[in-house]
Amino acid sequence: MRIGILGTGGMAAALGGAWSAAGHDVVIGGRNQGRAEQTAGRIGAAGHGSLAGAAAHGDAVLLAVPAAEAPHLVGGLAGKLSGRTVIDCTNPVVPTSDGLMLDTGGVTSLARQLAAAVPDAHVVKAFNLCHASIWTLRPPAFEGVPLAVPYCADDAEAAAATETLISSIGCTPAPCGGLARAAYLEATAALAIGLWWAGQQPRTAFPSLAETPV
């Protein structure tokens, strides 16, 4: 699959590297061409270029930029993103005295804001629950079980593309409903990241039903 990646940071490199290793055609796009070239070279991507170039390249496009910049950035690329699957892996969170809080205005998810900014694209929320380092594992598996990747999508073809990208790096797709439920993934990320920062292990709070008494 052709994948355009908008961004040159940790998530762009980690997921781009995983997809490149899986045989996908990855192009890194950035505002700084030096950084885009450096990231592409480090992960073995097929190429690099501008944000617009990466958007136009991808059948699927990963949005891996700071959450606060995301709506404006994709809005400016709306023409390039038309008809494409746009995967939002961002986490719109801010630190407060009471821990991490969502920074979405309390109205909707960032993913829904992105969908409004690019109405002719197919936005998917995915890959936002794990630290970038997890995506450098080949494959990401724990205690012998492949990592599950929750995602939210409205469009069937975009959901299928996302499942292909998840499965191709050795993970298990975990569909969580339409984009209206993306707010739950963003809230889960805020909770999990806060627990990690506090030295806790979020997964110990979710035992398998198979491990619980009936």
Protein backbone atom coordinates (compact mmCIF):
# COMPACT_ATOMS: atom_id res chain seq x y z
CA MET A 1 0.00 0.00 0.00
CA ARG A 2 1.15 3.56 -0.67
CA ILE A 3 1.36 5.49 2.59
CA GLY A 4 2.00 9.18 2.99
CA ILE A 5 3.12 10.32 6.43
CA LEU A 6 2.58 13.89 7.53
CA GLY A 7 5.24 14.58 10.14
CA THR A 8 8.86 13.73 10.89
CA GLY A 9 8.82 12.99 14.63
CA GLY A 10 8.73 9.87 16.78
CA MET A 11 5.38 8.44 15.70
CA ALA A 12 6.09 9.18 12.04
CA ALA A 13 9.41 7.34 12.25
CA ALA A 14 8.13 4.41 14.33
CA LEU A 15 5.02 3.62 12.30
CA GLY A 16 6.68 4.56 9.03
CA GLY A 17 9.53 2.21 9.84
CA ALA A 18 7.16 -0.62 10.72
CA TRP A 19 5.23 -0.18 7.48
CA SER A 20 8.40 0.11 5.40
CA ALA A 21 9.70 -3.12 6.94
CA ALA A 22 6.38 -4.75 6.06
CA GLY A 23 6.85 -3.83 2.41
CA HIS A 24 4.62 -0.78 2.08
CA ASP A 25 5.57 2.19 -0.10
CA VAL A 26 6.12 4.97 2.47
CA VAL A 27 6.85 8.63 1.78
CA ILE A 28 7.67 11.01 4.64
CA GLY A 29 6.38 14.57 4.30
CA GLY A 30 7.46 17.52 6.39
CA ARG A 31 7.75 21.29 6.49
CA ASN A 32 11.49 20.92 6.99
CA GLN A 33 12.93 18.96 4.05
CA GLY A 34 16.15 18.20 5.89
CA ARG A 35 14.25 16.48 8.70
CA ALA A 36 11.98 14.69 6.22
CA GLU A 37 15.01 13.34 4.37
CA GLN A 38 16.70 12.32 7.61
CA THR A 39 13.62 10.48 8.91
CA ALA A 40 13.03 8.74 5.58
CA GLY A 41 16.65 7.59 5.42
CA ARG A 42 16.64 6.32 8.99
CA ILE A 43 13.58 4.11 8.50
CA GLY A 44 14.18 2.97 4.94
CA ALA A 45 11.19 4.82 3.48
CA ALA A 46 10.73 4.93 -0.28
CA GLY A 47 11.07 8.70 -0.34
CA HIS A 48 10.45 12.07 1.25
CA GLY A 49 9.01 15.42 0.28
CA SER A 50 6.63 18.16 1.27
CA LEU A 51 3.47 17.67 3.30
CA ALA A 52 1.43 18.13 0.13
CA GLY A 53 3.59 15.61 -1.72
CA ALA A 54 3.18 12.96 0.98
CA ALA A 55 -0.58 13.58 1.12
CA ALA A 56 -0.88 13.13 -2.63
CA HIS A 57 1.28 9.97 -2.56
CA GLY A 58 -0.67 7.95 -0.06
CA ASP A 59 -3.70 5.75 -0.54
CA ALA A 60 -3.61 6.03 3.24
CA VAL A 61 -2.17 9.08 5.00
CA LEU A 62 -0.92 9.07 8.59
CA LEU A 63 -1.31 12.32 10.48
CA ALA A 64 1.59 12.42 12.95
CA VAL A 65 1.87 16.08 13.94
CA PRO A 66 1.14 17.90 17.22
CA ALA A 67 -2.59 17.67 17.93
CA ALA A 68 -2.99 21.44 18.28
CA GLU A 69 -1.73 21.93 14.71
CA ALA A 70 -3.65 19.06 13.13
CA PRO A 71 -6.99 20.63 12.08
CA HIS A 72 -5.37 23.65 10.43
CA LEU A 73 -2.77 21.48 8.70
CA VAL A 74 -5.23 19.00 7.20
CA GLY A 75 -7.60 21.80 6.26
CA GLY A 76 -4.83 23.31 4.16
CA LEU A 77 -4.34 19.96 2.43
CA ALA A 78 -8.04 19.23 1.90
CA GLY A 79 -7.71 19.01 -1.87
CA LYS A 80 -4.79 16.56 -1.67
CA LEU A 81 -6.56 14.41 0.93
CA SER A 82 -9.88 14.14 -0.91
CA GLY A 83 -10.99 10.50 -1.15
CA ARG A 84 -8.08 9.22 0.93
CA THR A 85 -7.96 7.36 4.24
CA VAL A 86 -6.53 9.76 6.84
CA ILE A 87 -5.35 8.01 10.00
CA ASP A 88 -5.23 10.22 13.07
CA CYS A 89 -2.80 8.93 15.71
CA THR A 90 -2.65 12.17 17.69
CA ASN A 91 -3.55 12.65 21.34
CA PRO A 92 -5.09 16.05 22.16
CA VAL A 93 -4.00 16.13 25.80
CA VAL A 94 -2.52 18.80 28.04
CA PRO A 95 -0.94 18.46 31.51
CA THR A 96 -2.84 20.07 34.38
CA SER A 97 -2.57 20.04 38.16
CA ASP A 98 -5.16 17.25 38.09
CA GLY A 99 -3.30 15.15 35.55
CA LEU A 100 -3.63 14.90 31.78
CA MET A 101 -6.83 16.36 30.37
CA LEU A 102 -8.32 16.32 26.89
CA ASP A 103 -7.91 19.57 24.98
CA THR A 104 -10.84 19.32 22.57
CA GLY A 105 -13.14 21.95 24.02
CA GLY A 106 -15.35 19.35 25.66
CA VAL A 107 -17.55 19.17 22.56
CA THR A 108 -16.21 16.45 20.30
CA SER A 109 -13.08 14.45 19.52
CA LEU A 110 -10.12 15.80 17.61
CA ALA A 111 -10.81 13.10 15.03
CA ARG A 112 -14.28 14.54 14.39
CA GLN A 113 -12.76 18.02 14.10
CA LEU A 114 -10.38 16.67 11.47
CA ALA A 115 -13.25 15.05 9.59
CA ALA A 116 -15.00 18.42 9.51
CA ALA A 117 -11.83 20.07 8.20
CA VAL A 118 -11.47 17.52 5.36
CA PRO A 119 -15.04 16.42 4.61
CA ASP A 120 -14.07 14.62 1.40
CA ALA A 121 -11.51 12.40 3.17
CA HIS A 122 -12.17 9.34 5.34
CA VAL A 123 -10.75 9.98 8.81
CA VAL A 124 -9.88 7.03 11.08
CA LYS A 125 -8.75 7.21 14.71
CA ALA A 126 -6.05 4.60 15.35
CA PHE A 127 -2.56 3.94 16.73
CA ASN A 128 -2.97 6.54 19.51
CA LEU A 129 -2.88 4.31 22.60
CA CYS A 130 0.78 3.26 22.59
CA HIS A 131 4.08 5.07 22.93
CA ALA A 132 6.08 5.40 19.73
CA SER A 133 8.62 2.85 20.98
CA ILE A 134 6.01 0.08 20.85
CA TRP A 135 5.79 0.39 17.07
CA THR A 136 9.51 -0.32 16.73
CA LEU A 137 8.98 -3.90 17.96
CA ARG A 138 8.95 -6.56 15.24
CA PRO A 139 6.20 -7.56 15.90
CA PRO A 140 4.56 -5.81 18.87
CA ALA A 141 3.53 -8.75 21.07
CA PHE A 142 3.29 -9.19 24.83
CA GLU A 143 3.22 -12.48 26.73
CA GLY A 144 2.96 -14.18 23.37
CA VAL A 145 -0.16 -12.25 22.33
CA PRO A 146 -0.13 -9.79 19.38
CA LEU A 147 -0.91 -6.22 20.33
CA ALA A 148 -4.52 -5.20 19.66
CA VAL A 149 -4.95 -1.86 17.90
CA PRO A 150 -8.35 -0.22 18.51
CA TYR A 151 -9.67 2.00 15.76
CA CYS A 152 -12.79 4.00 14.91
CA ALA A 153 -13.95 4.58 11.34
CA ASP A 154 -17.12 5.50 9.46
CA ASP A 155 -16.10 4.39 5.97
CA ALA A 156 -15.89 0.66 5.19
CA GLU A 157 -12.99 0.99 2.74
CA ALA A 158 -11.04 3.15 5.16
CA ALA A 159 -11.65 0.60 7.90
CA ALA A 160 -10.39 -2.18 5.62
CA ALA A 161 -7.26 -0.19 4.75
CA THR A 162 -6.61 0.44 8.43
CA GLU A 163 -7.00 -3.25 9.24
CA THR A 164 -4.48 -4.07 6.50
CA LEU A 165 -1.97 -1.65 8.00
CA ILE A 166 -2.54 -3.07 11.49
CA SER A 167 -2.29 -6.71 10.42
CA SER A 168 0.76 -6.17 8.22
CA ILE A 169 2.90 -5.23 11.24
CA GLY A 170 1.79 -8.27 13.25
CA CYS A 171 -0.97 -6.66 15.30
CA THR A 172 -4.66 -7.48 15.71
CA PRO A 173 -7.33 -5.01 14.51
CA ALA A 174 -9.87 -4.10 17.21
CA PRO A 175 -12.79 -2.22 15.61
CA CYS A 176 -14.47 0.10 18.11
CA GLY A 177 -17.31 1.54 16.05
CA GLY A 178 -17.73 4.71 14.06
CA LEU A 179 -15.89 7.99 14.38
CA ALA A 180 -18.49 9.16 16.90
CA ARG A 181 -16.73 6.85 19.36
CA ALA A 182 -13.25 8.30 18.69
CA ALA A 183 -13.67 10.49 21.77
CA TYR A 184 -13.52 7.31 23.87
CA LEU A 185 -10.17 6.34 22.35
CA GLU A 186 -8.82 9.83 23.00
CA ALA A 187 -10.07 9.75 26.61
CA THR A 188 -8.59 6.28 27.11
CA ALA A 189 -5.23 7.57 25.90
CA ALA A 190 -5.37 10.48 28.35
CA LEU A 191 -6.11 8.06 31.21
CA ALA A 192 -3.47 5.50 30.18
CA ILE A 193 -0.70 8.05 29.61
CA GLY A 194 -1.48 9.63 32.98
CA LEU A 195 -1.18 6.24 34.67
CA TRP A 196 2.13 5.51 32.93
CA TRP A 197 3.51 8.86 34.02
CA ALA A 198 2.47 7.99 37.58
CA GLY A 199 4.40 4.71 37.39
CA GLN A 200 1.31 2.51 37.06
CA GLN A 201 0.53 -0.27 34.56
CA PRO A 202 -2.82 0.45 32.84
CA ARG A 203 -3.22 -3.06 31.43
CA THR A 204 -3.41 -4.55 34.93
CA ALA A 205 -6.77 -2.80 35.29
CA PHE A 206 -8.27 -4.83 32.41
CA PRO A 207 -8.12 -8.57 33.17
CA SER A 208 -9.33 -10.98 30.51
CA LEU A 209 -12.82 -12.37 30.98
CA ALA A 210 -11.24 -15.81 30.59
CA GLU A 211 -9.22 -15.10 33.75
CA THR A 212 -12.17 -14.06 35.89
CA PRO A 213 -14.46 -16.35 37.90
CA VAL A 214 -17.85 -16.99 36.34
